[in-house]
Amino acid sequence: MTMTTAEFGAELAHATEEHKQIKASTMYLLALLILVITGAMVAVFGLGGLILTAVVASWVILAFLVLLTAGG
């Protein structure tokens, strides 16, 4: 069975792709940073700070999804 151009391109892309791993310590530091920012917002603004943090987090996630789907 012959390969289509799309299948050939997908196979070529996967063959040359390098997978770099992110260290677990980096993820723990990022999680700690998010918790510290959230705690500071709650300490300063109360429940409004928690709500504001959630709104900002959802905007960040949406922007990340736009970058993933648009390719930059």
Protein backbone atom coordinates (compact mmCIF):
# COMPACT_ATOMS: atom_id res chain seq x y z
CA MET A 1 0.00 0.00 0.00
CA THR A 2 1.41 3.40 -0.92
CA MET A 3 1.72 6.24 1.55
CA THR A 4 -0.08 9.50 1.04
CA THR A 5 1.80 12.78 1.30
CA ALA A 6 0.22 13.50 4.69
CA GLU A 7 1.26 10.11 6.07
CA PHE A 8 4.80 10.57 4.78
CA GLY A 9 5.03 14.04 6.32
CA ALA A 10 3.67 12.83 9.66
CA GLU A 11 6.13 9.94 9.73
CA LEU A 12 9.03 12.23 8.83
CA ALA A 13 8.06 14.73 11.53
CA HIS A 14 7.95 12.03 14.19
CA ALA A 15 11.26 10.55 13.09
CA THR A 16 13.19 13.81 13.50
CA GLU A 17 11.42 15.01 16.64
CA GLU A 18 13.34 15.13 19.90
CA HIS A 19 11.44 14.72 23.14
CA LYS A 20 12.94 16.81 25.91
CA GLN A 21 11.80 15.94 29.42
CA ILE A 22 10.99 18.58 32.01
CA LYS A 23 12.50 17.80 35.39
CA ALA A 24 10.11 17.04 38.22
CA SER A 25 11.77 19.68 40.40
CA THR A 26 10.83 22.34 37.84
CA MET A 27 7.19 21.28 38.00
CA TYR A 28 7.24 21.31 41.82
CA LEU A 29 8.68 24.84 41.77
CA LEU A 30 6.00 25.96 39.31
CA ALA A 31 3.26 24.45 41.48
CA LEU A 32 4.74 26.14 44.56
CA LEU A 33 4.84 29.47 42.72
CA ILE A 34 1.17 29.14 41.76
CA LEU A 35 0.24 28.31 45.37
CA VAL A 36 2.23 31.26 46.72
CA ILE A 37 0.62 33.66 44.23
CA THR A 38 -2.85 32.31 45.06
CA GLY A 39 -2.18 32.55 48.80
CA ALA A 40 -0.93 36.12 48.45
CA MET A 41 -3.98 37.12 46.43
CA VAL A 42 -6.31 35.59 49.04
CA ALA A 43 -4.38 37.28 51.86
CA VAL A 44 -4.59 40.69 50.18
CA PHE A 45 -8.02 40.61 48.53
CA GLY A 46 -9.86 37.83 50.40
CA LEU A 47 -12.37 35.79 48.42
CA GLY A 48 -12.09 38.27 45.54
CA GLY A 49 -8.43 37.38 45.25
CA LEU A 50 -9.30 33.72 44.86
CA ILE A 51 -11.86 34.54 42.20
CA LEU A 52 -9.43 36.85 40.41
CA THR A 53 -6.73 34.16 40.47
CA ALA A 54 -9.15 31.65 38.95
CA VAL A 55 -10.15 34.10 36.20
CA VAL A 56 -6.52 34.84 35.34
CA ALA A 57 -5.68 31.12 35.35
CA SER A 58 -8.51 30.38 32.92
CA TRP A 59 -7.29 33.16 30.59
CA VAL A 60 -3.77 31.73 30.70
CA ILE A 61 -5.09 28.26 29.85
CA LEU A 62 -7.15 29.66 26.97
CA ALA A 63 -4.13 31.57 25.62
CA PHE A 64 -2.05 28.39 25.83
CA LEU A 65 -4.70 26.48 23.89
CA VAL A 66 -4.76 29.20 21.22
CA LEU A 67 -0.98 28.93 20.87
CA LEU A 68 -1.19 25.15 20.60
CA THR A 69 -3.87 25.19 17.93
CA ALA A 70 -2.60 28.19 15.95
CA GLY A 71 1.05 27.14 16.03
CA GLY A 72 2.35 30.46 17.33
